[in-house]
Amino acid sequence: MKVGDAIKLQSGTVKHWGLKTEVAILLEKLPRSDGLEYDWLVAIDGRCIELGRQLEQSSEAINESR
């Protein structure tokens, strides 16, 4: 997955954040200070939230950017 991709989040993530939609756009890979690789900044429901990189395994790419 890469910046600009549209992804479909798992229902648990949608419920946890109280989101109205399950489709998000990947905006930026965010570095972490704790030794883990990175998190993702995503745009969804008119706001930006940070999600762990685990979303790469648990989400479905809907529309990949070029």
Protein backbone atom coordinates (compact mmCIF):
# COMPACT_ATOMS: atom_id res chain seq x y z
CA MET A 1 0.00 0.00 0.00
CA LYS A 2 1.15 3.51 -0.73
CA VAL A 3 0.18 7.16 -0.32
CA GLY A 4 -2.96 7.96 -2.30
CA ASP A 5 -4.47 4.48 -2.14
CA ALA A 6 -8.14 4.17 -1.18
CA ILE A 7 -8.69 1.38 1.34
CA LYS A 8 -11.65 -0.31 3.01
CA LEU A 9 -11.14 -0.53 6.78
CA GLN A 10 -12.32 -3.40 8.96
CA SER A 11 -15.65 -2.92 10.72
CA GLY A 12 -13.95 -3.00 14.15
CA THR A 13 -11.79 0.00 13.23
CA VAL A 14 -14.82 1.87 11.92
CA LYS A 15 -16.77 1.19 15.13
CA HIS A 16 -13.84 2.07 17.40
CA TRP A 17 -13.42 5.51 15.82
CA GLY A 18 -17.18 6.11 15.40
CA LEU A 19 -16.81 6.56 11.65
CA LYS A 20 -19.67 6.88 9.17
CA THR A 21 -17.78 5.27 6.29
CA GLU A 22 -15.27 2.47 5.94
CA VAL A 23 -13.31 3.98 3.03
CA ALA A 24 -10.14 5.93 3.79
CA ILE A 25 -7.34 7.51 1.74
CA LEU A 26 -3.73 6.92 2.79
CA LEU A 27 -2.10 10.34 3.18
CA GLU A 28 1.31 9.83 4.75
CA LYS A 29 3.58 7.30 6.44
CA LEU A 30 4.42 8.67 9.88
CA PRO A 31 7.70 7.70 11.56
CA ARG A 32 7.58 6.34 15.11
CA SER A 33 10.00 6.99 17.94
CA ASP A 34 9.51 3.61 19.63
CA GLY A 35 11.39 1.44 17.14
CA LEU A 36 8.36 0.21 15.23
CA GLU A 37 8.40 1.02 11.55
CA TYR A 38 5.62 3.58 10.96
CA ASP A 39 1.95 4.50 11.30
CA TRP A 40 -0.40 5.80 8.62
CA LEU A 41 -2.16 9.15 8.50
CA VAL A 42 -5.48 8.58 6.74
CA ALA A 43 -8.30 10.85 5.59
CA ILE A 44 -11.77 9.57 6.46
CA ASP A 45 -15.11 11.21 7.30
CA GLY A 46 -13.69 14.69 6.73
CA ARG A 47 -10.88 14.31 9.25
CA CYS A 48 -7.40 12.84 9.54
CA ILE A 49 -6.55 10.04 11.97
CA GLU A 50 -3.45 7.97 12.68
CA LEU A 51 -3.72 4.22 12.32
CA GLY A 52 -1.09 1.54 12.86
CA ARG A 53 0.61 -0.10 9.93
CA GLN A 54 -1.33 -3.27 10.73
CA LEU A 55 -4.05 -1.81 8.54
CA GLU A 56 -1.95 -3.04 5.60
CA GLN A 57 -2.82 -6.63 6.54
CA SER A 58 -6.37 -6.01 7.72
CA SER A 59 -7.65 -3.59 5.05
CA GLU A 60 -8.56 -4.08 1.43
CA ALA A 61 -7.09 -1.83 -1.27
CA ILE A 62 -10.03 -0.47 -3.28
CA ASN A 63 -8.28 1.88 -5.66
CA GLU A 64 -4.50 1.94 -5.86
CA SER A 65 -2.81 5.23 -6.78
CA ARG A 66 -0.21 5.27 -9.53
